[in-house]
Amino acid sequence: MTNAIGDALSGVREVELTVTGRRSGRQIARPVWFVLDDDNVFLVPVTGSDTQWYKNVQQTPMVRLAVDGTALSSSATPITDAGQVRHIVAMFRDKYGADQFESYYPKHDVAVQVPLG
């Protein structure tokens, strides 16, 4: 794992995700929740496959993650396998609490993997 970004991610609840707009080509940044597992960051789009940043990642998979002045650019991989998505959703529920997760994430049919190395 890239130690600087790994260290910066431990103990925080949000990371800034920057994607490239599929129509505008502009860099679009937004705070998102995440979980860390085996040198990967996993993201769940709030409205699942309907989420705009997820659609942008499908077109241009290069993303940037930033927290506390530390950043990493990496290629994101959309995850559509139901079993993998369920596992990632379970990690989100453990980290953020099932009630909070369910209230903020009405649809969880996809996830995104961003390797840290």
PDB file of N, CA and C in Angstrom:
ATOM      1  N   MET A   1       0.844  -1.180   0.000  1.00  0.00           N
ATOM      2  CA  MET A   1       0.000   0.000   0.000  1.00  0.00           C
ATOM      3  C   MET A   1       0.886   1.239   0.000  1.00  0.00           C
ATOM      4  N   THR A   2       0.433   2.278  -0.683  1.00  0.00           N
ATOM      5  CA  THR A   2       1.118   3.561  -0.636  1.00  0.00           C
ATOM      6  C   THR A   2       0.929   4.099   0.781  1.00  0.00           C
ATOM      7  N   ASN A   3       2.002   4.133   1.573  1.00  0.00           N
ATOM      8  CA  ASN A   3       1.871   4.434   2.993  1.00  0.00           C
ATOM      9  C   ASN A   3       1.225   5.775   3.272  1.00  0.00           C
ATOM     10  N   ALA A   4       1.597   6.796   2.531  1.00  0.00           N
ATOM     11  CA  ALA A   4       1.069   8.136   2.811  1.00  0.00           C
ATOM     12  C   ALA A   4      -0.449   8.168   2.666  1.00  0.00           C
ATOM     13  N   ILE A   5      -0.978   7.644   1.582  1.00  0.00           N
ATOM     14  CA  ILE A   5      -2.429   7.679   1.390  1.00  0.00           C
ATOM     15  C   ILE A   5      -3.110   6.696   2.339  1.00  0.00           C
ATOM     16  N   GLY A   6      -2.509   5.547   2.567  1.00  0.00           N
ATOM     17  CA  GLY A   6      -3.078   4.575   3.511  1.00  0.00           C
ATOM     18  C   GLY A   6      -3.171   5.147   4.907  1.00  0.00           C
ATOM     19  N   ASP A   7      -2.101   5.807   5.346  1.00  0.00           N
ATOM     20  CA  ASP A   7      -2.102   6.437   6.671  1.00  0.00           C
ATOM     21  C   ASP A   7      -3.136   7.549   6.740  1.00  0.00           C
ATOM     22  N   ALA A   8      -3.232   8.336   5.674  1.00  0.00           N
ATOM     23  CA  ALA A   8      -4.182   9.454   5.662  1.00  0.00           C
ATOM     24  C   ALA A   8      -5.627   8.955   5.698  1.00  0.00           C
ATOM     25  N   LEU A   9      -5.883   7.796   5.085  1.00  0.00           N
ATOM     26  CA  LEU A   9      -7.248   7.269   5.025  1.00  0.00           C
ATOM     27  C   LEU A   9      -7.697   6.619   6.329  1.00  0.00           C
ATOM     28  N   SER A  10      -6.747   6.106   7.106  1.00  0.00           N
ATOM     29  CA  SER A  10      -7.176   5.433   8.335  1.00  0.00           C
ATOM     30  C   SER A  10      -7.690   6.466   9.331  1.00  0.00           C
ATOM     31  N   GLY A  11      -8.867   6.179   9.835  1.00  0.00           N
ATOM     32  CA  GLY A  11      -9.463   7.054  10.836  1.00  0.00           C
ATOM     33  C   GLY A  11     -10.330   8.172  10.290  1.00  0.00           C
ATOM     34  N   VAL A  12     -10.444   8.324   8.974  1.00  0.00           N
ATOM     35  CA  VAL A  12     -11.326   9.359   8.423  1.00  0.00           C
ATOM     36  C   VAL A  12     -12.567   8.714   7.824  1.00  0.00           C
ATOM     37  N   ARG A  13     -13.635   9.499   7.747  1.00  0.00           N
ATOM     38  CA  ARG A  13     -14.916   8.976   7.264  1.00  0.00           C
ATOM     39  C   ARG A  13     -15.164   9.274   5.793  1.00  0.00           C
ATOM     40  N   GLU A  14     -14.485  10.286   5.268  1.00  0.00           N
ATOM     41  CA  GLU A  14     -14.718  10.683   3.877  1.00  0.00           C
ATOM     42  C   GLU A  14     -13.396  10.880   3.155  1.00  0.00           C
ATOM     43  N   VAL A  15     -13.456  10.688   1.845  1.00  0.00           N
ATOM     44  CA  VAL A  15     -12.330  10.966   0.973  1.00  0.00           C
ATOM     45  C   VAL A  15     -12.865  11.839  -0.156  1.00  0.00           C
ATOM     46  N   GLU A  16     -12.028  12.721  -0.680  1.00  0.00           N
ATOM     47  CA  GLU A  16     -12.460  13.504  -1.830  1.00  0.00           C
ATOM     48  C   GLU A  16     -12.171  12.711  -3.098  1.00  0.00           C
ATOM     49  N   LEU A  17     -13.212  12.445  -3.844  1.00  0.00           N
ATOM     50  CA  LEU A  17     -13.116  11.714  -5.104  1.00  0.00           C
ATOM     51  C   LEU A  17     -13.217  12.714  -6.242  1.00  0.00           C
ATOM     52  N   THR A  18     -12.254  12.665  -7.169  1.00  0.00           N
ATOM     53  CA  THR A  18     -12.306  13.517  -8.362  1.00  0.00           C
ATOM     54  C   THR A  18     -12.411  12.609  -9.585  1.00  0.00           C
ATOM     55  N   VAL A  19     -13.425  12.891 -10.402  1.00  0.00           N
ATOM     56  CA  VAL A  19     -13.651  12.130 -11.636  1.00  0.00           C
ATOM     57  C   VAL A  19     -13.665  13.112 -12.798  1.00  0.00           C
ATOM     58  N   THR A  20     -13.579  12.582 -14.015  1.00  0.00           N
ATOM     59  CA  THR A  20     -13.659  13.405 -15.219  1.00  0.00           C
ATOM     60  C   THR A  20     -15.082  13.334 -15.758  1.00  0.00           C
ATOM     61  N   GLY A  21     -15.707  14.499 -15.926  1.00  0.00           N
ATOM     62  CA  GLY A  21     -17.068  14.545 -16.451  1.00  0.00           C
ATOM     63  C   GLY A  21     -17.141  13.944 -17.842  1.00  0.00           C
ATOM     64  N   ARG A  22     -18.106  13.065 -18.059  1.00  0.00           N
ATOM     65  CA  ARG A  22     -18.175  12.360 -19.347  1.00  0.00           C
ATOM     66  C   ARG A  22     -18.651  13.265 -20.469  1.00  0.00           C
ATOM     67  N   ARG A  23     -19.354  14.332 -20.156  1.00  0.00           N
ATOM     68  CA  ARG A  23     -19.778  15.283 -21.187  1.00  0.00           C
ATOM     69  C   ARG A  23     -18.885  16.527 -21.217  1.00  0.00           C
ATOM     70  N   SER A  24     -18.588  17.056 -20.030  1.00  0.00           N
ATOM     71  CA  SER A  24     -17.845  18.316 -19.950  1.00  0.00           C
ATOM     72  C   SER A  24     -16.329  18.116 -20.075  1.00  0.00           C
ATOM     73  N   GLY A  25     -15.842  16.939 -19.668  1.00  0.00           N
ATOM     74  CA  GLY A  25     -14.401  16.722 -19.639  1.00  0.00           C
ATOM     75  C   GLY A  25     -13.728  17.421 -18.463  1.00  0.00           C
ATOM     76  N   ARG A  26     -14.517  18.098 -17.616  1.00  0.00           N
ATOM     77  CA  ARG A  26     -13.986  18.821 -16.449  1.00  0.00           C
ATOM     78  C   ARG A  26     -13.726  17.862 -15.301  1.00  0.00           C
ATOM     79  N   GLN A  27     -12.826  18.260 -14.426  1.00  0.00           N
ATOM     80  CA  GLN A  27     -12.574  17.517 -13.198  1.00  0.00           C
ATOM     81  C   GLN A  27     -13.660  17.884 -12.187  1.00  0.00           C
ATOM     82  N   ILE A  28     -14.322  16.882 -11.638  1.00  0.00           N
ATOM     83  CA  ILE A  28     -15.416  17.089 -10.699  1.00  0.00           C
ATOM     84  C   ILE A  28     -15.062  16.388  -9.391  1.00  0.00           C
ATOM     85  N   ALA A  29     -15.016  17.149  -8.308  1.00  0.00           N
ATOM     86  CA  ALA A  29     -14.644  16.596  -7.001  1.00  0.00           C
ATOM     87  C   ALA A  29     -15.842  16.590  -6.070  1.00  0.00           C
ATOM     88  N   ARG A  30     -15.910  15.560  -5.246  1.00  0.00           N
ATOM     89  CA  ARG A  30     -16.980  15.476  -4.253  1.00  0.00           C
ATOM     90  C   ARG A  30     -16.529  14.569  -3.111  1.00  0.00           C
ATOM     91  N   PRO A  31     -17.011  14.840  -1.894  1.00  0.00           N
ATOM     92  CA  PRO A  31     -16.680  13.954  -0.779  1.00  0.00           C
ATOM     93  C   PRO A  31     -17.533  12.682  -0.861  1.00  0.00           C
ATOM     94  N   VAL A  32     -16.919  11.549  -0.594  1.00  0.00           N
ATOM     95  CA  VAL A  32     -17.642  10.269  -0.595  1.00  0.00           C
ATOM     96  C   VAL A  32     -17.178   9.423   0.588  1.00  0.00           C
ATOM     97  N   TRP A  33     -18.054   8.532   1.023  1.00  0.00           N
ATOM     98  CA  TRP A  33     -17.685   7.538   2.022  1.00  0.00           C
ATOM     99  C   TRP A  33     -16.905   6.432   1.341  1.00  0.00           C
ATOM    100  N   PHE A  34     -16.110   5.701   2.104  1.00  0.00           N
ATOM    101  CA  PHE A  34     -15.269   4.649   1.546  1.00  0.00           C
ATOM    102  C   PHE A  34     -14.977   3.614   2.626  1.00  0.00           C
ATOM    103  N   VAL A  35     -14.508   2.455   2.180  1.00  0.00           N
ATOM    104  CA  VAL A  35     -13.928   1.472   3.086  1.00  0.00           C
ATOM    105  C   VAL A  35     -12.596   1.021   2.495  1.00  0.00           C
ATOM    106  N   LEU A  36     -11.673   0.662   3.374  1.00  0.00           N
ATOM    107  CA  LEU A  36     -10.361   0.137   2.988  1.00  0.00           C
ATOM    108  C   LEU A  36     -10.367  -1.369   3.204  1.00  0.00           C
ATOM    109  N   ASP A  37      -9.811  -2.122   2.261  1.00  0.00           N
ATOM    110  CA  ASP A  37      -9.690  -3.562   2.418  1.00  0.00           C
ATOM    111  C   ASP A  37      -8.603  -4.068   1.481  1.00  0.00           C
ATOM    112  N   ASP A  38      -7.584  -4.706   2.043  1.00  0.00           N
ATOM    113  CA  ASP A  38      -6.518  -5.310   1.236  1.00  0.00           C
ATOM    114  C   ASP A  38      -5.920  -4.356   0.202  1.00  0.00           C
ATOM    115  N   ASP A  39      -5.451  -3.202   0.636  1.00  0.00           N
ATOM    116  CA  ASP A  39      -4.788  -2.231  -0.248  1.00  0.00           C
ATOM    117  C   ASP A  39      -5.692  -1.700  -1.354  1.00  0.00           C
ATOM    118  N   ASN A  40      -6.983  -1.713  -1.102  1.00  0.00           N
ATOM    119  CA  ASN A  40      -7.956  -1.152  -2.039  1.00  0.00           C
ATOM    120  C   ASN A  40      -8.920  -0.256  -1.282  1.00  0.00           C
ATOM    121  N   VAL A  41      -9.356   0.777  -1.963  1.00  0.00           N
ATOM    122  CA  VAL A  41     -10.451   1.604  -1.464  1.00  0.00           C
ATOM    123  C   VAL A  41     -11.687   1.156  -2.232  1.00  0.00           C
ATOM    124  N   PHE A  42     -12.771   0.951  -1.517  1.00  0.00           N
ATOM    125  CA  PHE A  42     -14.037   0.601  -2.160  1.00  0.00           C
ATOM    126  C   PHE A  42     -15.035   1.719  -1.924  1.00  0.00           C
ATOM    127  N   LEU A  43     -15.740   2.069  -2.964  1.00  0.00           N
ATOM    128  CA  LEU A  43     -16.746   3.124  -2.928  1.00  0.00           C
ATOM    129  C   LEU A  43     -18.084   2.530  -3.341  1.00  0.00           C
ATOM    130  N   VAL A  44     -19.160   3.048  -2.755  1.00  0.00           N
ATOM    131  CA  VAL A  44     -20.505   2.670  -3.165  1.00  0.00           C
ATOM    132  C   VAL A  44     -21.212   3.955  -3.566  1.00  0.00           C
ATOM    133  N   PRO A  45     -21.648   4.078  -4.817  1.00  0.00           N
ATOM    134  CA  PRO A  45     -22.356   5.281  -5.241  1.00  0.00           C
ATOM    135  C   PRO A  45     -23.710   5.372  -4.523  1.00  0.00           C
ATOM    136  N   VAL A  46     -24.062   6.561  -4.064  1.00  0.00           N
ATOM    137  CA  VAL A  46     -25.270   6.754  -3.260  1.00  0.00           C
ATOM    138  C   VAL A  46     -26.516   6.223  -3.959  1.00  0.00           C
ATOM    139  N   THR A  47     -26.691   6.524  -5.224  1.00  0.00           N
ATOM    140  CA  THR A  47     -27.862   6.015  -5.949  1.00  0.00           C
ATOM    141  C   THR A  47     -27.458   4.913  -6.925  1.00  0.00           C
ATOM    142  N   GLY A  48     -26.461   4.142  -6.517  1.00  0.00           N
ATOM    143  CA  GLY A  48     -26.036   2.986  -7.298  1.00  0.00           C
ATOM    144  C   GLY A  48     -25.626   3.349  -8.710  1.00  0.00           C
ATOM    145  N   SER A  49     -26.048   2.514  -9.653  1.00  0.00           N
ATOM    146  CA  SER A  49     -25.646   2.698 -11.048  1.00  0.00           C
ATOM    147  C   SER A  49     -26.243   3.948 -11.685  1.00  0.00           C
ATOM    148  N   ASP A  50     -27.162   4.621 -10.990  1.00  0.00           N
ATOM    149  CA  ASP A  50     -27.732   5.872 -11.496  1.00  0.00           C
ATOM    150  C   ASP A  50     -26.901   7.092 -11.102  1.00  0.00           C
ATOM    151  N   THR A  51     -25.914   6.927 -10.244  1.00  0.00           N
ATOM    152  CA  THR A  51     -25.096   8.029  -9.739  1.00  0.00           C
ATOM    153  C   THR A  51     -24.230   8.607 -10.856  1.00  0.00           C
ATOM    154  N   GLN A  52     -24.196   9.928 -10.957  1.00  0.00           N
ATOM    155  CA  GLN A  52     -23.450  10.585 -12.036  1.00  0.00           C
ATOM    156  C   GLN A  52     -21.955  10.283 -11.977  1.00  0.00           C
ATOM    157  N   TRP A  53     -21.342  10.350 -10.779  1.00  0.00           N
ATOM    158  CA  TRP A  53     -19.897  10.092 -10.740  1.00  0.00           C
ATOM    159  C   TRP A  53     -19.594   8.652 -11.149  1.00  0.00           C
ATOM    160  N   TYR A  54     -20.490   7.714 -10.858  1.00  0.00           N
ATOM    161  CA  TYR A  54     -20.280   6.329 -11.277  1.00  0.00           C
ATOM    162  C   TYR A  54     -20.316   6.226 -12.811  1.00  0.00           C
ATOM    163  N   LYS A  55     -21.260   6.913 -13.429  1.00  0.00           N
ATOM    164  CA  LYS A  55     -21.329   6.916 -14.892  1.00  0.00           C
ATOM    165  C   LYS A  55     -20.068   7.535 -15.492  1.00  0.00           C
ATOM    166  N   ASN A  56     -19.538   8.566 -14.836  1.00  0.00           N
ATOM    167  CA  ASN A  56     -18.291   9.183 -15.302  1.00  0.00           C
ATOM    168  C   ASN A  56     -17.126   8.204 -15.205  1.00  0.00           C
ATOM    169  N   VAL A  57     -17.056   7.442 -14.114  1.00  0.00           N
ATOM    170  CA  VAL A  57     -15.985   6.454 -13.926  1.00  0.00           C
ATOM    171  C   VAL A  57     -16.066   5.366 -14.997  1.00  0.00           C
ATOM    172  N   GLN A  58     -17.278   4.989 -15.390  1.00  0.00           N
ATOM    173  CA  GLN A  58     -17.415   3.976 -16.435  1.00  0.00           C
ATOM    174  C   GLN A  58     -16.780   4.438 -17.745  1.00  0.00           C
ATOM    175  N   GLN A  59     -16.882   5.727 -18.016  1.00  0.00           N
ATOM    176  CA  GLN A  59     -16.324   6.268 -19.261  1.00  0.00           C
ATOM    177  C   GLN A  59     -14.838   6.572 -19.135  1.00  0.00           C
ATOM    178  N   THR A  60     -14.440   7.179 -18.021  1.00  0.00           N
ATOM    179  CA  THR A  60     -13.038   7.538 -17.784  1.00  0.00           C
ATOM    180  C   THR A  60     -12.657   7.012 -16.406  1.00  0.00           C
ATOM    181  N   PRO A  61     -12.024   5.841 -16.340  1.00  0.00           N
ATOM    182  CA  PRO A  61     -11.780   5.207 -15.047  1.00  0.00           C
ATOM    183  C   PRO A  61     -10.673   5.833 -14.195  1.00  0.00           C
ATOM    184  N   MET A  62      -9.892   6.757 -14.734  1.00  0.00           N
ATOM    185  CA  MET A  62      -8.843   7.366 -13.916  1.00  0.00           C
ATOM    186  C   MET A  62      -9.490   8.344 -12.922  1.00  0.00           C
ATOM    187  N   VAL A  63      -9.232   8.120 -11.627  1.00  0.00           N
ATOM    188  CA  VAL A  63      -9.800   8.960 -10.576  1.00  0.00           C
ATOM    189  C   VAL A  63      -8.680   9.444  -9.666  1.00  0.00           C
ATOM    190  N   ARG A  64      -9.024  10.393  -8.830  1.00  0.00           N
ATOM    191  CA  ARG A  64      -8.084  10.906  -7.824  1.00  0.00           C
ATOM    192  C   ARG A  64      -8.780  10.832  -6.476  1.00  0.00           C
ATOM    193  N   LEU A  65      -8.077  10.296  -5.478  1.00  0.00           N
ATOM    194  CA  LEU A  65      -8.557  10.282  -4.108  1.00  0.00           C
ATOM    195  C   LEU A  65      -7.664  11.210  -3.302  1.00  0.00           C
ATOM    196  N   ALA A  66      -8.259  12.040  -2.472  1.00  0.00           N
ATOM    197  CA  ALA A  66      -7.467  12.970  -1.666  1.00  0.00           C
ATOM    198  C   ALA A  66      -8.056  13.079  -0.268  1.00  0.00           C
ATOM    199  N   VAL A  67      -7.160  13.180   0.706  1.00  0.00           N
ATOM    200  CA  VAL A  67      -7.562  13.398   2.091  1.00  0.00           C
ATOM    201  C   VAL A  67      -6.407  14.065   2.817  1.00  0.00           C
ATOM    202  N   ASP A  68      -6.712  15.114   3.552  1.00  0.00           N
ATOM    203  CA  ASP A  68      -5.720  15.807   4.384  1.00  0.00           C
ATOM    204  C   ASP A  68      -4.427  16.138   3.646  1.00  0.00           C
ATOM    205  N   GLY A  69      -4.535  16.625   2.415  1.00  0.00           N
ATOM    206  CA  GLY A  69      -3.366  17.050   1.669  1.00  0.00           C
ATOM    207  C   GLY A  69      -2.590  15.930   0.984  1.00  0.00           C
ATOM    208  N   THR A  70      -3.056  14.699   1.126  1.00  0.00           N
ATOM    209  CA  THR A  70      -2.410  13.559   0.472  1.00  0.00           C
ATOM    210  C   THR A  70      -3.336  13.070  -0.628  1.00  0.00           C
ATOM    211  N   ALA A  71      -2.776  12.779  -1.802  1.00  0.00           N
ATOM    212  CA  ALA A  71      -3.622  12.378  -2.934  1.00  0.00           C
ATOM    213  C   ALA A  71      -3.010  11.190  -3.658  1.00  0.00           C
ATOM    214  N   LEU A  72      -3.871  10.471  -4.354  1.00  0.00           N
ATOM    215  CA  LEU A  72      -3.481   9.327  -5.155  1.00  0.00           C
ATOM    216  C   LEU A  72      -4.321   9.325  -6.419  1.00  0.00           C
ATOM    217  N   SER A  73      -3.672   9.162  -7.576  1.00  0.00           N
ATOM    218  CA  SER A  73      -4.393   8.950  -8.829  1.00  0.00           C
ATOM    219  C   SER A  73      -4.292   7.477  -9.167  1.00  0.00           C
ATOM    220  N   SER A  74      -5.425   6.897  -9.530  1.00  0.00           N
ATOM    221  CA  SER A  74      -5.453   5.470  -9.811  1.00  0.00           C
ATOM    222  C   SER A  74      -6.612   5.169 -10.747  1.00  0.00           C
ATOM    223  N   SER A  75      -6.594   3.973 -11.307  1.00  0.00           N
ATOM    224  CA  SER A  75      -7.668   3.550 -12.186  1.00  0.00           C
ATOM    225  C   SER A  75      -8.742   2.843 -11.373  1.00  0.00           C
ATOM    226  N   ALA A  76      -9.987   3.254 -11.534  1.00  0.00           N
ATOM    227  CA  ALA A  76     -11.105   2.673 -10.800  1.00  0.00           C
ATOM    228  C   ALA A  76     -11.760   1.575 -11.623  1.00  0.00           C
ATOM    229  N   THR A  77     -12.203   0.527 -10.946  1.00  0.00           N
ATOM    230  CA  THR A  77     -12.865  -0.586 -11.612  1.00  0.00           C
ATOM    231  C   THR A  77     -14.285  -0.718 -11.083  1.00  0.00           C
ATOM    232  N   PRO A  78     -15.295  -0.542 -11.925  1.00  0.00           N
ATOM    233  CA  PRO A  78     -16.672  -0.764 -11.489  1.00  0.00           C
ATOM    234  C   PRO A  78     -16.889  -2.237 -11.144  1.00  0.00           C
ATOM    235  N   ILE A  79     -17.627  -2.485 -10.087  1.00  0.00           N
ATOM    236  CA  ILE A  79     -17.957  -3.848  -9.656  1.00  0.00           C
ATOM    237  C   ILE A  79     -19.467  -4.015  -9.769  1.00  0.00           C
ATOM    238  N   THR A  80     -19.884  -5.000 -10.557  1.00  0.00           N
ATOM    239  CA  THR A  80     -21.314  -5.250 -10.743  1.00  0.00           C
ATOM    240  C   THR A  80     -21.741  -6.623 -10.228  1.00  0.00           C
ATOM    241  N   ASP A  81     -20.774  -7.481  -9.875  1.00  0.00           N
ATOM    242  CA  ASP A  81     -21.089  -8.805  -9.347  1.00  0.00           C
ATOM    243  C   ASP A  81     -21.838  -8.661  -8.017  1.00  0.00           C
ATOM    244  N   ALA A  82     -23.041  -9.240  -7.950  1.00  0.00           N
ATOM    245  CA  ALA A  82     -23.908  -9.058  -6.779  1.00  0.00           C
ATOM    246  C   ALA A  82     -23.244  -9.522  -5.484  1.00  0.00           C
ATOM    247  N   GLY A  83     -22.517 -10.634  -5.523  1.00  0.00           N
ATOM    248  CA  GLY A  83     -21.845 -11.130  -4.325  1.00  0.00           C
ATOM    249  C   GLY A  83     -20.770 -10.187  -3.822  1.00  0.00           C
ATOM    250  N   GLN A  84     -19.966  -9.663  -4.751  1.00  0.00           N
ATOM    251  CA  GLN A  84     -18.923  -8.703  -4.366  1.00  0.00           C
ATOM    252  C   GLN A  84     -19.551  -7.421  -3.824  1.00  0.00           C
ATOM    253  N   VAL A  85     -20.608  -6.945  -4.477  1.00  0.00           N
ATOM    254  CA  VAL A  85     -21.270  -5.723  -4.018  1.00  0.00           C
ATOM    255  C   VAL A  85     -21.832  -5.940  -2.610  1.00  0.00           C
ATOM    256  N   ARG A  86     -22.453  -7.084  -2.352  1.00  0.00           N
ATOM    257  CA  ARG A  86     -22.991  -7.381  -1.014  1.00  0.00           C
ATOM    258  C   ARG A  86     -21.892  -7.339   0.041  1.00  0.00           C
ATOM    259  N   HIS A  87     -20.722  -7.903  -0.280  1.00  0.00           N
ATOM    260  CA  HIS A  87     -19.595  -7.901   0.657  1.00  0.00           C
ATOM    261  C   HIS A  87     -19.142  -6.465   0.961  1.00  0.00           C
ATOM    262  N   ILE A  88     -19.040  -5.647  -0.059  1.00  0.00           N
ATOM    263  CA  ILE A  88     -18.617  -4.254   0.117  1.00  0.00           C
ATOM    264  C   ILE A  88     -19.664  -3.478   0.908  1.00  0.00           C
ATOM    265  N   VAL A  89     -20.937  -3.702   0.603  1.00  0.00           N
ATOM    266  CA  VAL A  89     -22.026  -3.042   1.342  1.00  0.00           C
ATOM    267  C   VAL A  89     -21.963  -3.440   2.819  1.00  0.00           C
ATOM    268  N   ALA A  90     -21.666  -4.702   3.105  1.00  0.00           N
ATOM    269  CA  ALA A  90     -21.547  -5.146   4.500  1.00  0.00           C
ATOM    270  C   ALA A  90     -20.416  -4.397   5.209  1.00  0.00           C
ATOM    271  N   MET A  91     -19.298  -4.173   4.513  1.00  0.00           N
ATOM    272  CA  MET A  91     -18.194  -3.404   5.109  1.00  0.00           C
ATOM    273  C   MET A  91     -18.628  -1.961   5.383  1.00  0.00           C
ATOM    274  N   PHE A  92     -19.401  -1.369   4.470  1.00  0.00           N
ATOM    275  CA  PHE A  92     -19.915  -0.014   4.683  1.00  0.00           C
ATOM    276  C   PHE A  92     -20.829   0.023   5.904  1.00  0.00           C
ATOM    277  N   ARG A  93     -21.716  -0.966   6.031  1.00  0.00           N
ATOM    278  CA  ARG A  93     -22.628  -1.014   7.189  1.00  0.00           C
ATOM    279  C   ARG A  93     -21.835  -1.121   8.484  1.00  0.00           C
ATOM    280  N   ASP A  94     -20.759  -1.931   8.480  1.00  0.00           N
ATOM    281  CA  ASP A  94     -19.926  -2.074   9.682  1.00  0.00           C
ATOM    282  C   ASP A  94     -19.245  -0.755  10.038  1.00  0.00           C
ATOM    283  N   LYS A  95     -18.754  -0.047   9.040  1.00  0.00           N
ATOM    284  CA  LYS A  95     -18.013   1.193   9.305  1.00  0.00           C
ATOM    285  C   LYS A  95     -18.937   2.351   9.697  1.00  0.00           C
ATOM    286  N   TYR A  96     -20.036   2.511   8.975  1.00  0.00           N
ATOM    287  CA  TYR A  96     -20.869   3.700   9.148  1.00  0.00           C
ATOM    288  C   TYR A  96     -22.155   3.445   9.926  1.00  0.00           C
ATOM    289  N   GLY A  97     -22.461   2.189  10.185  1.00  0.00           N
ATOM    290  CA  GLY A  97     -23.710   1.846  10.860  1.00  0.00           C
ATOM    291  C   GLY A  97     -24.795   1.545   9.834  1.00  0.00           C
ATOM    292  N   ALA A  98     -25.520   0.458  10.060  1.00  0.00           N
ATOM    293  CA  ALA A  98     -26.533   0.016   9.091  1.00  0.00           C
ATOM    294  C   ALA A  98     -27.606   1.079   8.880  1.00  0.00           C
ATOM    295  N   ASP A  99     -28.055   1.735   9.964  1.00  0.00           N
ATOM    296  CA  ASP A  99     -29.119   2.746   9.836  1.00  0.00           C
ATOM    297  C   ASP A  99     -28.661   3.910   8.967  1.00  0.00           C
ATOM    298  N   GLN A 100     -27.462   4.426   9.238  1.00  0.00           N
ATOM    299  CA  GLN A 100     -26.956   5.547   8.443  1.00  0.00           C
ATOM    300  C   GLN A 100     -26.755   5.140   6.998  1.00  0.00           C
ATOM    301  N   PHE A 101     -26.171   3.969   6.790  1.00  0.00           N
ATOM    302  CA  PHE A 101     -25.930   3.518   5.423  1.00  0.00           C
ATOM    303  C   PHE A 101     -27.249   3.422   4.658  1.00  0.00           C
ATOM    304  N   GLU A 102     -28.229   2.776   5.244  1.00  0.00           N
ATOM    305  CA  GLU A 102     -29.510   2.587   4.545  1.00  0.00           C
ATOM    306  C   GLU A 102     -30.211   3.921   4.282  1.00  0.00           C
ATOM    307  N   SER A 103     -30.062   4.888   5.179  1.00  0.00           N
ATOM    308  CA  SER A 103     -30.740   6.171   4.972  1.00  0.00           C
ATOM    309  C   SER A 103     -30.079   6.997   3.865  1.00  0.00           C
ATOM    310  N   TYR A 104     -28.767   6.845   3.679  1.00  0.00           N
ATOM    311  CA  TYR A 104     -28.059   7.620   2.655  1.00  0.00           C
ATOM    312  C   TYR A 104     -27.918   6.888   1.328  1.00  0.00           C
ATOM    313  N   TYR A 105     -28.014   5.578   1.340  1.00  0.00           N
ATOM    314  CA  TYR A 105     -27.771   4.765   0.146  1.00  0.00           C
ATOM    315  C   TYR A 105     -29.011   3.949  -0.206  1.00  0.00           C
ATOM    316  N   PRO A 106     -29.964   4.563  -0.914  1.00  0.00           N
ATOM    317  CA  PRO A 106     -31.205   3.845  -1.229  1.00  0.00           C
ATOM    318  C   PRO A 106     -31.025   2.711  -2.237  1.00  0.00           C
ATOM    319  N   LYS A 107     -29.997   2.786  -3.064  1.00  0.00           N
ATOM    320  CA  LYS A 107     -29.777   1.769  -4.087  1.00  0.00           C
ATOM    321  C   LYS A 107     -28.312   1.368  -4.064  1.00  0.00           C
ATOM    322  N   HIS A 108     -28.056   0.078  -3.900  1.00  0.00           N
ATOM    323  CA  HIS A 108     -26.663  -0.380  -3.892  1.00  0.00           C
ATOM    324  C   HIS A 108     -26.520  -1.608  -4.771  1.00  0.00           C
ATOM    325  N   ASP A 109     -26.513  -1.346  -6.080  1.00  0.00           N
ATOM    326  CA  ASP A 109     -26.390  -2.417  -7.066  1.00  0.00           C
ATOM    327  C   ASP A 109     -24.990  -2.507  -7.668  1.00  0.00           C
ATOM    328  N   VAL A 110     -24.130  -1.542  -7.367  1.00  0.00           N
ATOM    329  CA  VAL A 110     -22.769  -1.515  -7.890  1.00  0.00           C
ATOM    330  C   VAL A 110     -21.823  -0.962  -6.826  1.00  0.00           C
ATOM    331  N   ALA A 111     -20.527  -1.140  -7.067  1.00  0.00           N
ATOM    332  CA  ALA A 111     -19.486  -0.559  -6.222  1.00  0.00           C
ATOM    333  C   ALA A 111     -18.309  -0.228  -7.140  1.00  0.00           C
ATOM    334  N   VAL A 112     -17.290   0.394  -6.571  1.00  0.00           N
ATOM    335  CA  VAL A 112     -16.094   0.761  -7.321  1.00  0.00           C
ATOM    336  C   VAL A 112     -14.876   0.410  -6.491  1.00  0.00           C
ATOM    337  N   GLN A 113     -13.874  -0.191  -7.135  1.00  0.00           N
ATOM    338  CA  GLN A 113     -12.614  -0.536  -6.506  1.00  0.00           C
ATOM    339  C   GLN A 113     -11.525   0.383  -7.016  1.00  0.00           C
ATOM    340  N   VAL A 114     -10.744   0.956  -6.093  1.00  0.00           N
ATOM    341  CA  VAL A 114      -9.609   1.797  -6.446  1.00  0.00           C
ATOM    342  C   VAL A 114      -8.377   1.243  -5.724  1.00  0.00           C
ATOM    343  N   PRO A 115      -7.447   0.632  -6.461  1.00  0.00           N
ATOM    344  CA  PRO A 115      -6.243   0.090  -5.807  1.00  0.00           C
ATOM    345  C   PRO A 115      -5.324   1.208  -5.325  1.00  0.00           C
ATOM    346  N   LEU A 116      -4.711   0.973  -4.158  1.00  0.00           N
ATOM    347  CA  LEU A 116      -3.816   1.981  -3.593  1.00  0.00           C
ATOM    348  C   LEU A 116      -2.370   1.803  -4.034  1.00  0.00           C
ATOM    349  N   GLY A 117      -2.056   0.678  -4.652  1.00  0.00           N
ATOM    350  CA  GLY A 117      -0.668   0.437  -5.014  1.00  0.00           C
ATOM    351  C   GLY A 117      -0.400   0.580  -6.479  1.00  0.00           C
TER     352      GLY A 117
END
